[in-house]
């Protein structure tokens, strides 16, 4: 019974730590840019886009595809940074619990 009680305590601690990490990821902010900074996208660790800034320099009515590409590139860069940050935090939390490379379902 002692082993089961210890396991249940560890599971509860893990759950508490997971909640803390989820909260931290919501507060974490990263930025992606493209076009030399004419498009900037801010995202959080939950993979939510928080803000998009587009400089007037990026606006070219004769070439709307360029702006679309710049926005997509900045979004992808921001989300990539957010994913890496989330993966690092989850790896620290799950060290010794999950096999290497395995991710916690429903999280990063």
PDB file of N, CA and C in Angstrom:
ATOM      1  N   UNK A   1       0.821  -1.204   0.000  1.00  0.00           N
ATOM      2  CA  UNK A   1       0.000   0.000   0.000  1.00  0.00           C
ATOM      3  C   UNK A   1       0.858   1.257   0.000  1.00  0.00           C
ATOM      4  N   UNK A   2       2.033   1.168   0.644  1.00  0.00           N
ATOM      5  CA  UNK A   2       2.914   2.323   0.685  1.00  0.00           C
ATOM      6  C   UNK A   2       3.290   2.771  -0.725  1.00  0.00           C
ATOM      7  N   UNK A   3       3.584   1.835  -1.607  1.00  0.00           N
ATOM      8  CA  UNK A   3       3.956   2.152  -2.979  1.00  0.00           C
ATOM      9  C   UNK A   3       2.844   2.868  -3.717  1.00  0.00           C
ATOM     10  N   UNK A   4       1.614   2.450  -3.488  1.00  0.00           N
ATOM     11  CA  UNK A   4       0.471   3.077  -4.142  1.00  0.00           C
ATOM     12  C   UNK A   4       0.265   4.500  -3.625  1.00  0.00           C
ATOM     13  N   UNK A   5       0.410   4.703  -2.337  1.00  0.00           N
ATOM     14  CA  UNK A   5       0.256   6.041  -1.763  1.00  0.00           C
ATOM     15  C   UNK A   5       1.323   6.985  -2.319  1.00  0.00           C
ATOM     16  N   UNK A   6       2.534   6.486  -2.440  1.00  0.00           N
ATOM     17  CA  UNK A   6       3.619   7.296  -2.987  1.00  0.00           C
ATOM     18  C   UNK A   6       3.332   7.645  -4.451  1.00  0.00           C
ATOM     19  N   UNK A   7       2.860   6.673  -5.197  1.00  0.00           N
ATOM     20  CA  UNK A   7       2.537   6.896  -6.610  1.00  0.00           C
ATOM     21  C   UNK A   7       1.421   7.920  -6.763  1.00  0.00           C
ATOM     22  N   UNK A   8       0.397   7.824  -5.923  1.00  0.00           N
ATOM     23  CA  UNK A   8      -0.707   8.787  -5.974  1.00  0.00           C
ATOM     24  C   UNK A   8      -0.233  10.195  -5.620  1.00  0.00           C
ATOM     25  N   UNK A   9       0.662  10.289  -4.655  1.00  0.00           N
ATOM     26  CA  UNK A   9       1.204  11.600  -4.283  1.00  0.00           C
ATOM     27  C   UNK A   9       2.008  12.187  -5.441  1.00  0.00           C
ATOM     28  N   UNK A  10       2.815  11.356  -6.085  1.00  0.00           N
ATOM     29  CA  UNK A  10       3.605  11.822  -7.230  1.00  0.00           C
ATOM     30  C   UNK A  10       2.689  12.266  -8.367  1.00  0.00           C
ATOM     31  N   UNK A  11       1.614  11.541  -8.592  1.00  0.00           N
ATOM     32  CA  UNK A  11       0.660  11.906  -9.651  1.00  0.00           C
ATOM     33  C   UNK A  11       0.018  13.252  -9.339  1.00  0.00           C
ATOM     34  N   UNK A  12      -0.327  13.480  -8.082  1.00  0.00           N
ATOM     35  CA  UNK A  12      -0.931  14.758  -7.705  1.00  0.00           C
ATOM     36  C   UNK A  12       0.078  15.897  -7.876  1.00  0.00           C
ATOM     37  N   UNK A  13       1.322  15.671  -7.489  1.00  0.00           N
ATOM     38  CA  UNK A  13       2.361  16.690  -7.664  1.00  0.00           C
ATOM     39  C   UNK A  13       2.577  16.993  -9.138  1.00  0.00           C
ATOM     40  N   UNK A  14       2.565  15.947  -9.950  1.00  0.00           N
ATOM     41  CA  UNK A  14       2.726  16.134 -11.392  1.00  0.00           C
ATOM     42  C   UNK A  14       1.576  16.965 -11.952  1.00  0.00           C
ATOM     43  N   UNK A  15       0.374  16.668 -11.524  1.00  0.00           N
ATOM     44  CA  UNK A  15      -0.790  17.430 -11.987  1.00  0.00           C
ATOM     45  C   UNK A  15      -0.669  18.894 -11.598  1.00  0.00           C
ATOM     46  N   UNK A  16      -0.244  19.163 -10.384  1.00  0.00           N
ATOM     47  CA  UNK A  16      -0.058  20.547  -9.933  1.00  0.00           C
ATOM     48  C   UNK A  16       1.011  21.246 -10.766  1.00  0.00           C
ATOM     49  N   UNK A  17       2.096  20.539 -11.026  1.00  0.00           N
ATOM     50  CA  UNK A  17       3.171  21.107 -11.828  1.00  0.00           C
ATOM     51  C   UNK A  17       2.719  21.349 -13.270  1.00  0.00           C
ATOM     52  N   UNK A  18       1.904  20.464 -13.808  1.00  0.00           N
ATOM     53  CA  UNK A  18       1.364  20.646 -15.159  1.00  0.00           C
ATOM     54  C   UNK A  18       0.517  21.910 -15.237  1.00  0.00           C
ATOM     55  N   UNK A  19      -0.271  22.147 -14.212  1.00  0.00           N
ATOM     56  CA  UNK A  19      -1.101  23.355 -14.193  1.00  0.00           C
ATOM     57  C   UNK A  19      -0.223  24.609 -14.151  1.00  0.00           C
ATOM     58  N   UNK A  20       0.853  24.545 -13.379  1.00  0.00           N
ATOM     59  CA  UNK A  20       1.775  25.683 -13.317  1.00  0.00           C
ATOM     60  C   UNK A  20       2.410  25.938 -14.681  1.00  0.00           C
ATOM     61  N   UNK A  21       2.814  24.873 -15.344  1.00  0.00           N
ATOM     62  CA  UNK A  21       3.439  25.014 -16.664  1.00  0.00           C
ATOM     63  C   UNK A  21       2.445  25.584 -17.659  1.00  0.00           C
ATOM     64  N   UNK A  22       1.207  25.118 -17.620  1.00  0.00           N
ATOM     65  CA  UNK A  22       0.184  25.654 -18.532  1.00  0.00           C
ATOM     66  C   UNK A  22       0.005  27.161 -18.308  1.00  0.00           C
ATOM     67  N   UNK A  23       0.006  27.561 -17.053  1.00  0.00           N
ATOM     68  CA  UNK A  23      -0.127  28.985 -16.728  1.00  0.00           C
ATOM     69  C   UNK A  23       1.089  29.764 -17.238  1.00  0.00           C
ATOM     70  N   UNK A  24       2.281  29.215 -17.009  1.00  0.00           N
ATOM     71  CA  UNK A  24       3.502  29.865 -17.495  1.00  0.00           C
ATOM     72  C   UNK A  24       3.486  30.013 -19.005  1.00  0.00           C
ATOM     73  N   UNK A  25       3.014  28.983 -19.696  1.00  0.00           N
ATOM     74  CA  UNK A  25       2.975  29.035 -21.159  1.00  0.00           C
ATOM     75  C   UNK A  25       2.010  30.103 -21.654  1.00  0.00           C
ATOM     76  N   UNK A  26       0.957  30.345 -20.905  1.00  0.00           N
ATOM     77  CA  UNK A  26       0.036  31.414 -21.272  1.00  0.00           C
ATOM     78  C   UNK A  26       0.654  32.784 -21.106  1.00  0.00           C
ATOM     79  N   UNK A  27       1.591  32.905 -20.176  1.00  0.00           N
ATOM     80  CA  UNK A  27       2.257  34.177 -19.920  1.00  0.00           C
ATOM     81  C   UNK A  27       3.485  34.381 -20.811  1.00  0.00           C
ATOM     82  N   UNK A  28       4.072  33.292 -21.276  1.00  0.00           N
ATOM     83  CA  UNK A  28       5.237  33.365 -22.140  1.00  0.00           C
ATOM     84  C   UNK A  28       4.868  34.049 -23.457  1.00  0.00           C
ATOM     85  N   UNK A  29       5.693  34.975 -23.895  1.00  0.00           N
ATOM     86  CA  UNK A  29       5.451  35.629 -25.182  1.00  0.00           C
ATOM     87  C   UNK A  29       6.706  35.553 -26.036  1.00  0.00           C
ATOM     88  N   UNK A  30       6.503  35.232 -27.302  1.00  0.00           N
ATOM     89  CA  UNK A  30       7.590  35.183 -28.270  1.00  0.00           C
ATOM     90  C   UNK A  30       7.169  35.993 -29.486  1.00  0.00           C
ATOM     91  N   UNK A  31       8.168  36.368 -30.284  1.00  0.00           N
ATOM     92  CA  UNK A  31       7.862  37.178 -31.456  1.00  0.00           C
ATOM     93  C   UNK A  31       8.499  36.575 -32.697  1.00  0.00           C
ATOM     94  N   UNK A  32       7.748  36.603 -33.778  1.00  0.00           N
ATOM     95  CA  UNK A  32       8.262  36.217 -35.082  1.00  0.00           C
ATOM     96  C   UNK A  32       8.224  37.429 -35.982  1.00  0.00           C
ATOM     97  N   UNK A  33       9.225  37.547 -36.849  1.00  0.00           N
ATOM     98  CA  UNK A  33       9.268  38.685 -37.761  1.00  0.00           C
ATOM     99  C   UNK A  33       9.547  38.193 -39.170  1.00  0.00           C
ATOM    100  N   UNK A  34       9.243  39.038 -40.134  1.00  0.00           N
ATOM    101  CA  UNK A  34       9.597  38.751 -41.519  1.00  0.00           C
ATOM    102  C   UNK A  34       9.773  40.060 -42.264  1.00  0.00           C
ATOM    103  N   UNK A  35      10.389  39.963 -43.431  1.00  0.00           N
ATOM    104  CA  UNK A  35      10.598  41.154 -44.238  1.00  0.00           C
ATOM    105  C   UNK A  35      11.480  42.180 -43.564  1.00  0.00           C
ATOM    106  N   UNK A  36      12.452  41.696 -42.795  1.00  0.00           N
ATOM    107  CA  UNK A  36      13.329  42.639 -42.099  1.00  0.00           C
ATOM    108  C   UNK A  36      12.632  43.385 -40.978  1.00  0.00           C
ATOM    109  N   UNK A  37      11.564  42.799 -40.453  1.00  0.00           N
ATOM    110  CA  UNK A  37      10.854  43.412 -39.321  1.00  0.00           C
ATOM    111  C   UNK A  37       9.630  44.213 -39.719  1.00  0.00           C
ATOM    112  N   UNK A  38       9.269  44.222 -41.002  1.00  0.00           N
ATOM    113  CA  UNK A  38       8.075  44.990 -41.388  1.00  0.00           C
ATOM    114  C   UNK A  38       6.788  44.293 -40.947  1.00  0.00           C
ATOM    115  N   UNK A  39       6.873  42.994 -40.684  1.00  0.00           N
ATOM    116  CA  UNK A  39       5.742  42.262 -40.108  1.00  0.00           C
ATOM    117  C   UNK A  39       6.238  41.593 -38.836  1.00  0.00           C
ATOM    118  N   UNK A  40       5.520  41.829 -37.749  1.00  0.00           N
ATOM    119  CA  UNK A  40       5.852  41.237 -36.444  1.00  0.00           C
ATOM    120  C   UNK A  40       4.609  40.560 -35.885  1.00  0.00           C
ATOM    121  N   UNK A  41       4.805  39.357 -35.369  1.00  0.00           N
ATOM    122  CA  UNK A  41       3.701  38.597 -34.796  1.00  0.00           C
ATOM    123  C   UNK A  41       4.112  38.143 -33.404  1.00  0.00           C
ATOM    124  N   UNK A  42       3.255  38.392 -32.437  1.00  0.00           N
ATOM    125  CA  UNK A  42       3.498  37.955 -31.064  1.00  0.00           C
ATOM    126  C   UNK A  42       2.552  36.800 -30.755  1.00  0.00           C
ATOM    127  N   UNK A  43       3.115  35.752 -30.144  1.00  0.00           N
ATOM    128  CA  UNK A  43       2.331  34.579 -29.759  1.00  0.00           C
ATOM    129  C   UNK A  43       2.698  34.196 -28.334  1.00  0.00           C
ATOM    130  N   UNK A  44       1.831  33.395 -27.708  1.00  0.00           N
ATOM    131  CA  UNK A  44       2.176  32.888 -26.376  1.00  0.00           C
ATOM    132  C   UNK A  44       2.497  31.399 -26.457  1.00  0.00           C
ATOM    133  N   UNK A  45       2.872  30.836 -25.344  1.00  0.00           N
ATOM    134  CA  UNK A  45       3.251  29.425 -25.279  1.00  0.00           C
ATOM    135  C   UNK A  45       2.103  28.465 -25.477  1.00  0.00           C
ATOM    136  N   UNK A  46       0.901  28.972 -25.535  1.00  0.00           N
ATOM    137  CA  UNK A  46      -0.274  28.135 -25.816  1.00  0.00           C
ATOM    138  C   UNK A  46      -0.607  28.130 -27.302  1.00  0.00           C
ATOM    139  N   UNK A  47       0.303  28.675 -28.101  1.00  0.00           N
ATOM    140  CA  UNK A  47       0.160  28.735 -29.563  1.00  0.00           C
ATOM    141  C   UNK A  47      -0.972  29.658 -29.993  1.00  0.00           C
ATOM    142  N   UNK A  48      -1.215  30.695 -29.203  1.00  0.00           N
ATOM    143  CA  UNK A  48      -2.232  31.693 -29.538  1.00  0.00           C
ATOM    144  C   UNK A  48      -1.543  32.936 -30.073  1.00  0.00           C
ATOM    145  N   UNK A  49      -2.043  33.475 -31.176  1.00  0.00           N
ATOM    146  CA  UNK A  49      -1.515  34.713 -31.724  1.00  0.00           C
ATOM    147  C   UNK A  49      -2.095  35.859 -30.907  1.00  0.00           C
ATOM    148  N   UNK A  50      -1.224  36.684 -30.355  1.00  0.00           N
ATOM    149  CA  UNK A  50      -1.653  37.774 -29.491  1.00  0.00           C
ATOM    150  C   UNK A  50      -1.728  39.108 -30.226  1.00  0.00           C
ATOM    151  N   UNK A  51      -0.815  39.294 -31.177  1.00  0.00           N
ATOM    152  CA  UNK A  51      -0.755  40.586 -31.836  1.00  0.00           C
ATOM    153  C   UNK A  51      -0.059  40.442 -33.184  1.00  0.00           C
ATOM    154  N   UNK A  52      -0.517  41.215 -34.149  1.00  0.00           N
ATOM    155  CA  UNK A  52       0.121  41.290 -35.461  1.00  0.00           C
ATOM    156  C   UNK A  52       0.365  42.762 -35.755  1.00  0.00           C
ATOM    157  N   UNK A  53       1.624  43.122 -36.008  1.00  0.00           N
ATOM    158  CA  UNK A  53       1.985  44.485 -36.389  1.00  0.00           C
ATOM    159  C   UNK A  53       2.474  44.459 -37.828  1.00  0.00           C
ATOM    160  N   UNK A  54       1.900  45.322 -38.650  1.00  0.00           N
ATOM    161  CA  UNK A  54       2.301  45.420 -40.052  1.00  0.00           C
ATOM    162  C   UNK A  54       2.691  46.866 -40.335  1.00  0.00           C
ATOM    163  N   UNK A  55       3.920  47.051 -40.725  1.00  0.00           N
ATOM    164  CA  UNK A  55       4.416  48.383 -41.073  1.00  0.00           C
ATOM    165  C   UNK A  55       3.803  48.825 -42.408  1.00  0.00           C
ATOM    166  N   UNK A  56       3.541  50.106 -42.545  1.00  0.00           N
ATOM    167  CA  UNK A  56       3.059  50.613 -43.839  1.00  0.00           C
ATOM    168  C   UNK A  56       3.998  50.261 -44.994  1.00  0.00           C
ATOM    169  N   UNK A  57       5.276  50.057 -44.689  1.00  0.00           N
ATOM    170  CA  UNK A  57       6.242  49.672 -45.719  1.00  0.00           C
ATOM    171  C   UNK A  57       5.895  48.326 -46.355  1.00  0.00           C
ATOM    172  N   UNK A  58       5.150  47.494 -45.621  1.00  0.00           N
ATOM    173  CA  UNK A  58       4.807  46.164 -46.125  1.00  0.00           C
ATOM    174  C   UNK A  58       3.586  46.193 -47.046  1.00  0.00           C
ATOM    175  N   UNK A  59       2.897  47.318 -47.083  1.00  0.00           N
ATOM    176  CA  UNK A  59       1.659  47.416 -47.863  1.00  0.00           C
ATOM    177  C   UNK A  59       1.973  47.833 -49.301  1.00  0.00           C
ATOM    178  N   UNK A  60       1.650  46.953 -50.220  1.00  0.00           N
ATOM    179  CA  UNK A  60       1.833  47.224 -51.645  1.00  0.00           C
ATOM    180  C   UNK A  60       0.568  46.739 -52.355  1.00  0.00           C
ATOM    181  N   UNK A  61      -0.356  47.671 -52.659  1.00  0.00           N
ATOM    182  CA  UNK A  61      -1.630  47.281 -53.281  1.00  0.00           C
ATOM    183  C   UNK A  61      -1.465  46.502 -54.583  1.00  0.00           C
ATOM    184  N   UNK A  62      -0.348  46.678 -55.256  1.00  0.00           N
ATOM    185  CA  UNK A  62      -0.152  45.957 -56.513  1.00  0.00           C
ATOM    186  C   UNK A  62       0.350  44.533 -56.291  1.00  0.00           C
ATOM    187  N   UNK A  63       0.698  44.197 -55.028  1.00  0.00           N
ATOM    188  CA  UNK A  63       1.224  42.862 -54.749  1.00  0.00           C
ATOM    189  C   UNK A  63       0.732  42.358 -53.387  1.00  0.00           C
ATOM    190  N   UNK A  64      -0.567  42.053 -53.253  1.00  0.00           N
ATOM    191  CA  UNK A  64      -1.084  41.583 -51.961  1.00  0.00           C
ATOM    192  C   UNK A  64      -0.495  40.233 -51.539  1.00  0.00           C
ATOM    193  N   UNK A  65      -0.053  39.433 -52.480  1.00  0.00           N
ATOM    194  CA  UNK A  65       0.529  38.130 -52.159  1.00  0.00           C
ATOM    195  C   UNK A  65       1.782  38.289 -51.291  1.00  0.00           C
ATOM    196  N   UNK A  66       2.539  39.354 -51.524  1.00  0.00           N
ATOM    197  CA  UNK A  66       3.748  39.598 -50.736  1.00  0.00           C
ATOM    198  C   UNK A  66       3.403  39.749 -49.259  1.00  0.00           C
ATOM    199  N   UNK A  67       2.375  40.528 -48.951  1.00  0.00           N
ATOM    200  CA  UNK A  67       1.975  40.720 -47.560  1.00  0.00           C
ATOM    201  C   UNK A  67       1.484  39.402 -46.956  1.00  0.00           C
ATOM    202  N   UNK A  68       0.721  38.644 -47.714  1.00  0.00           N
ATOM    203  CA  UNK A  68       0.258  37.343 -47.223  1.00  0.00           C
ATOM    204  C   UNK A  68       1.441  36.452 -46.853  1.00  0.00           C
ATOM    205  N   UNK A  69       2.448  36.431 -47.722  1.00  0.00           N
ATOM    206  CA  UNK A  69       3.632  35.612 -47.460  1.00  0.00           C
ATOM    207  C   UNK A  69       4.397  36.099 -46.239  1.00  0.00           C
ATOM    208  N   UNK A  70       4.506  37.419 -46.086  1.00  0.00           N
ATOM    209  CA  UNK A  70       5.205  37.972 -44.921  1.00  0.00           C
ATOM    210  C   UNK A  70       4.488  37.627 -43.623  1.00  0.00           C
ATOM    211  N   UNK A  71       3.172  37.741 -43.637  1.00  0.00           N
ATOM    212  CA  UNK A  71       2.392  37.413 -42.430  1.00  0.00           C
ATOM    213  C   UNK A  71       2.534  35.927 -42.108  1.00  0.00           C
ATOM    214  N   UNK A  72       2.393  35.071 -43.109  1.00  0.00           N
ATOM    215  CA  UNK A  72       2.522  33.625 -42.879  1.00  0.00           C
ATOM    216  C   UNK A  72       3.901  33.289 -42.320  1.00  0.00           C
ATOM    217  N   UNK A  73       4.943  33.893 -42.868  1.00  0.00           N
ATOM    218  CA  UNK A  73       6.301  33.616 -42.388  1.00  0.00           C
ATOM    219  C   UNK A  73       6.482  34.057 -40.937  1.00  0.00           C
ATOM    220  N   UNK A  74       5.975  35.229 -40.592  1.00  0.00           N
ATOM    221  CA  UNK A  74       6.109  35.725 -39.218  1.00  0.00           C
ATOM    222  C   UNK A  74       5.308  34.860 -38.240  1.00  0.00           C
ATOM    223  N   UNK A  75       4.108  34.467 -38.638  1.00  0.00           N
ATOM    224  CA  UNK A  75       3.287  33.597 -37.789  1.00  0.00           C
ATOM    225  C   UNK A  75       4.000  32.267 -37.564  1.00  0.00           C
ATOM    226  N   UNK A  76       4.504  31.674 -38.627  1.00  0.00           N
ATOM    227  CA  UNK A  76       5.192  30.389 -38.493  1.00  0.00           C
ATOM    228  C   UNK A  76       6.427  30.499 -37.610  1.00  0.00           C
ATOM    229  N   UNK A  77       7.160  31.594 -37.735  1.00  0.00           N
ATOM    230  CA  UNK A  77       8.328  31.783 -36.892  1.00  0.00           C
ATOM    231  C   UNK A  77       7.933  31.927 -35.420  1.00  0.00           C
ATOM    232  N   UNK A  78       6.907  32.719 -35.151  1.00  0.00           N
ATOM    233  CA  UNK A  78       6.457  32.908 -33.766  1.00  0.00           C
ATOM    234  C   UNK A  78       5.962  31.596 -33.167  1.00  0.00           C
ATOM    235  N   UNK A  79       5.167  30.859 -33.922  1.00  0.00           N
ATOM    236  CA  UNK A  79       4.645  29.595 -33.403  1.00  0.00           C
ATOM    237  C   UNK A  79       5.750  28.562 -33.231  1.00  0.00           C
ATOM    238  N   UNK A  80       6.751  28.588 -34.088  1.00  0.00           N
ATOM    239  CA  UNK A  80       7.895  27.690 -33.922  1.00  0.00           C
ATOM    240  C   UNK A  80       8.644  27.983 -32.635  1.00  0.00           C
ATOM    241  N   UNK A  81       8.852  29.259 -32.355  1.00  0.00           N
ATOM    242  CA  UNK A  81       9.517  29.643 -31.104  1.00  0.00           C
ATOM    243  C   UNK A  81       8.676  29.232 -29.900  1.00  0.00           C
ATOM    244  N   UNK A  82       7.373  29.437 -29.991  1.00  0.00           N
ATOM    245  CA  UNK A  82       6.483  29.070 -28.883  1.00  0.00           C
ATOM    246  C   UNK A  82       6.500  27.561 -28.658  1.00  0.00           C
ATOM    247  N   UNK A  83       6.487  26.788 -29.744  1.00  0.00           N
ATOM    248  CA  UNK A  83       6.508  25.320 -29.636  1.00  0.00           C
ATOM    249  C   UNK A  83       7.801  24.859 -28.974  1.00  0.00           C
ATOM    250  N   UNK A  84       8.926  25.412 -29.392  1.00  0.00           N
ATOM    251  CA  UNK A  84      10.208  25.017 -28.793  1.00  0.00           C
ATOM    252  C   UNK A  84      10.249  25.361 -27.303  1.00  0.00           C
ATOM    253  N   UNK A  85       9.752  26.531 -26.942  1.00  0.00           N
ATOM    254  CA  UNK A  85       9.737  26.931 -25.527  1.00  0.00           C
ATOM    255  C   UNK A  85       8.829  26.002 -24.719  1.00  0.00           C
ATOM    256  N   UNK A  86       7.672  25.665 -25.276  1.00  0.00           N
ATOM    257  CA  UNK A  86       6.751  24.762 -24.584  1.00  0.00           C
ATOM    258  C   UNK A  86       7.368  23.376 -24.442  1.00  0.00           C
ATOM    259  N   UNK A  87       8.017  22.894 -25.505  1.00  0.00           N
ATOM    260  CA  UNK A  87       8.667  21.575 -25.450  1.00  0.00           C
ATOM    261  C   UNK A  87       9.754  21.536 -24.379  1.00  0.00           C
ATOM    262  N   UNK A  88      10.531  22.625 -24.258  1.00  0.00           N
ATOM    263  CA  UNK A  88      11.585  22.671 -23.246  1.00  0.00           C
ATOM    264  C   UNK A  88      11.003  22.600 -21.841  1.00  0.00           C
ATOM    265  N   UNK A  89       9.934  23.343 -21.605  1.00  0.00           N
ATOM    266  CA  UNK A  89       9.329  23.344 -20.268  1.00  0.00           C
ATOM    267  C   UNK A  89       8.717  21.974 -19.937  1.00  0.00           C
ATOM    268  N   UNK A  90       8.076  21.373 -20.919  1.00  0.00           N
ATOM    269  CA  UNK A  90       7.475  20.068 -20.683  1.00  0.00           C
ATOM    270  C   UNK A  90       8.544  18.998 -20.487  1.00  0.00           C
ATOM    271  N   UNK A  91       9.649  19.105 -21.222  1.00  0.00           N
ATOM    272  CA  UNK A  91      10.732  18.127 -21.066  1.00  0.00           C
ATOM    273  C   UNK A  91      11.286  18.166 -19.652  1.00  0.00           C
ATOM    274  N   UNK A  92      11.440  19.368 -19.110  1.00  0.00           N
ATOM    275  CA  UNK A  92      11.937  19.493 -17.734  1.00  0.00           C
ATOM    276  C   UNK A  92      10.969  18.856 -16.747  1.00  0.00           C
ATOM    277  N   UNK A  93       9.687  19.074 -16.983  1.00  0.00           N
ATOM    278  CA  UNK A  93       8.667  18.565 -16.070  1.00  0.00           C
ATOM    279  C   UNK A  93       8.551  17.049 -16.121  1.00  0.00           C
ATOM    280  N   UNK A  94       8.664  16.479 -17.309  1.00  0.00           N
ATOM    281  CA  UNK A  94       8.406  15.046 -17.479  1.00  0.00           C
ATOM    282  C   UNK A  94       9.667  14.194 -17.479  1.00  0.00           C
ATOM    283  N   UNK A  95      10.811  14.786 -17.189  1.00  0.00           N
ATOM    284  CA  UNK A  95      12.053  14.018 -17.132  1.00  0.00           C
ATOM    285  C   UNK A  95      11.889  12.868 -16.148  1.00  0.00           C
ATOM    286  N   UNK A  96      12.172  11.675 -16.605  1.00  0.00           N
ATOM    287  CA  UNK A  96      12.080  10.490 -15.756  1.00  0.00           C
ATOM    288  C   UNK A  96      10.680   9.901 -15.675  1.00  0.00           C
ATOM    289  N   UNK A  97       9.696  10.591 -16.241  1.00  0.00           N
ATOM    290  CA  UNK A  97       8.319  10.090 -16.199  1.00  0.00           C
ATOM    291  C   UNK A  97       7.938   9.490 -17.544  1.00  0.00           C
ATOM    292  N   UNK A  98       8.191  10.251 -18.619  1.00  0.00           N
ATOM    293  CA  UNK A  98       7.870   9.793 -19.965  1.00  0.00           C
ATOM    294  C   UNK A  98       9.143   9.370 -20.683  1.00  0.00           C
ATOM    295  N   UNK A  99       9.029   8.408 -21.584  1.00  0.00           N
ATOM    296  CA  UNK A  99      10.190   8.026 -22.383  1.00  0.00           C
ATOM    297  C   UNK A  99      10.665   9.213 -23.218  1.00  0.00           C
ATOM    298  N   UNK A 100      11.962   9.313 -23.513  1.00  0.00           N
ATOM    299  CA  UNK A 100      12.480  10.425 -24.309  1.00  0.00           C
ATOM    300  C   UNK A 100      11.745  10.555 -25.637  1.00  0.00           C
ATOM    301  N   UNK A 101      11.397  11.795 -25.978  1.00  0.00           N
ATOM    302  CA  UNK A 101      10.702  12.060 -27.235  1.00  0.00           C
ATOM    303  C   UNK A 101       9.193  11.957 -27.162  1.00  0.00           C
ATOM    304  N   UNK A 102       8.671  11.321 -26.132  1.00  0.00           N
ATOM    305  CA  UNK A 102       7.220  11.188 -25.989  1.00  0.00           C
ATOM    306  C   UNK A 102       6.669  12.452 -25.358  1.00  0.00           C
ATOM    307  N   UNK A 103       5.543  12.929 -25.881  1.00  0.00           N
ATOM    308  CA  UNK A 103       4.948  14.156 -25.375  1.00  0.00           C
ATOM    309  C   UNK A 103       3.704  13.838 -24.558  1.00  0.00           C
ATOM    310  N   UNK A 104       3.439  14.698 -23.620  1.00  0.00           N
ATOM    311  CA  UNK A 104       2.265  14.554 -22.757  1.00  0.00           C
ATOM    312  C   UNK A 104       1.032  14.841 -23.597  1.00  0.00           C
ATOM    313  N   UNK A 105       0.068  13.918 -23.671  1.00  0.00           N
ATOM    314  CA  UNK A 105      -1.126  14.133 -24.486  1.00  0.00           C
ATOM    315  C   UNK A 105      -1.885  15.392 -24.074  1.00  0.00           C
ATOM    316  N   UNK A 106      -2.285  16.173 -25.074  1.00  0.00           N
ATOM    317  CA  UNK A 106      -3.075  17.363 -24.823  1.00  0.00           C
ATOM    318  C   UNK A 106      -2.278  18.589 -24.462  1.00  0.00           C
ATOM    319  N   UNK A 107      -0.955  18.439 -24.383  1.00  0.00           N
ATOM    320  CA  UNK A 107      -0.100  19.581 -24.072  1.00  0.00           C
ATOM    321  C   UNK A 107       0.900  19.750 -25.197  1.00  0.00           C
ATOM    322  N   UNK A 108       1.873  20.564 -24.944  1.00  0.00           N
ATOM    323  CA  UNK A 108       2.873  20.900 -25.963  1.00  0.00           C
ATOM    324  C   UNK A 108       3.396  19.720 -26.736  1.00  0.00           C
TER     325      UNK A 108
END
